[in-house]
Protein backbone atom coordinates (compact mmCIF):
# COMPACT_ATOMS: atom_id res chain seq x y z
CA MET A 1 110.01 100.93 106.31
CA LYS A 2 108.69 104.46 106.84
CA ASP A 3 109.81 105.52 103.36
CA ARG A 4 108.45 102.30 101.84
CA ILE A 5 105.01 102.95 103.38
CA ALA A 6 104.98 106.54 102.08
CA ALA A 7 106.10 105.46 98.60
CA LYS A 8 103.50 102.71 98.28
CA LEU A 9 100.66 104.91 99.49
CA THR A 10 101.77 107.76 97.22
CA ALA A 11 101.80 105.43 94.21
CA ALA A 12 98.43 103.89 95.06
CA LEU A 13 96.44 106.91 96.28
CA ALA A 14 98.21 110.08 95.05
CA PRO A 15 97.80 111.96 98.35
CA VAL A 16 97.77 115.74 98.64
CA SER A 17 99.80 115.25 101.82
CA ILE A 18 101.20 112.29 103.71
CA THR A 19 103.12 111.91 106.96
CA VAL A 20 104.34 108.55 108.23
CA THR A 21 105.60 108.39 111.80
CA ASP A 22 107.39 105.41 113.35
CA GLU A 23 105.79 105.02 116.80
CA SER A 24 107.58 101.76 117.62
CA ALA A 25 109.53 103.25 120.55
CA GLN A 26 106.22 103.89 122.32
CA HIS A 27 105.44 100.16 122.17
CA GLU A 28 108.69 98.61 123.42
CA GLY A 29 107.96 95.41 125.34
CA HIS A 30 104.51 95.16 123.74
CA ALA A 31 103.54 92.04 121.82
CA GLY A 32 104.55 92.44 118.19
CA ALA A 33 107.21 95.05 118.92
CA ARG A 34 110.54 94.13 117.37
CA PRO A 35 114.00 95.08 118.56
CA GLY A 36 115.07 98.06 116.48
CA GLY A 37 111.50 99.23 115.91
CA GLU A 38 109.78 99.66 112.56
CA SER A 39 106.71 97.73 113.69
CA HIS A 40 104.19 100.44 114.73
CA PHE A 41 103.33 103.35 112.45
CA HIS A 42 100.94 106.30 112.27
CA VAL A 43 99.90 107.43 108.80
CA GLN A 44 98.28 110.84 108.37
CA MET A 45 97.08 111.34 104.83
CA VAL A 46 94.85 113.63 102.80
CA ALA A 47 93.78 112.23 99.43
CA ALA A 48 91.03 112.82 96.89
CA ALA A 49 90.61 109.03 96.79
CA PHE A 50 88.93 109.33 100.21
CA SER A 51 86.19 111.70 99.05
CA GLY A 52 82.77 110.16 99.55
CA LYS A 53 84.24 107.11 101.30
CA SER A 54 83.43 105.91 104.81
CA ARG A 55 86.13 105.47 107.42
CA VAL A 56 86.10 101.71 106.83
CA GLU A 57 86.41 102.13 103.04
CA ARG A 58 89.37 104.48 103.52
CA HIS A 59 91.11 101.99 105.80
CA ARG A 60 90.50 99.22 103.29
CA LEU A 61 92.18 101.27 100.54
CA VAL A 62 95.27 101.78 102.69
CA ASN A 63 95.32 98.16 103.88
CA ALA A 64 95.13 96.93 100.27
CA ALA A 65 98.06 99.14 99.26
CA LEU A 66 100.12 97.87 102.21
CA ALA A 67 98.97 94.23 102.18
CA GLU A 68 102.51 92.84 101.89
CA GLU A 69 103.82 94.94 104.78
CA LEU A 70 100.81 94.18 106.99
CA ASN A 71 101.45 90.46 106.50
CA GLY A 72 105.03 90.85 107.67
CA PRO A 73 106.99 93.63 109.28
CA ILE A 74 104.16 95.99 110.30
CA HIS A 75 102.47 94.96 113.53
CA ALA A 76 100.24 98.02 114.02
CA LEU A 77 99.08 100.83 111.77
CA ARG A 78 97.23 103.85 113.14
CA LEU A 79 95.45 105.81 110.41
CA THR A 80 94.23 109.40 110.20
CA LEU A 81 92.69 109.68 106.74
CA LYS A 82 90.90 112.72 105.30
CA ALA A 83 89.52 113.88 101.98
CA PRO A 84 90.79 117.31 100.80
CA GLU A 85 87.48 118.98 101.71
CA GLU A 86 87.92 117.76 105.32
CA ALA A 87 91.49 118.92 105.78
């Protein structure tokens, strides 16, 4: 799932840098956590697509790119999104 998230975001937003971390182990026993993990992720990304966009607009871009995953296997997605001039 981690690689799938990175691939979809790379295709959709052409980031300068992207790091996807599976944080599922930190949420064991929490609602939405699945055995075996791959349910909670942190995405850190720098992309020109975020320039001039508000935090909400940036999140919407990512959520649109990952709509299928957010409707299924991903329970939680923590986002750290920056434009190149902010990195």
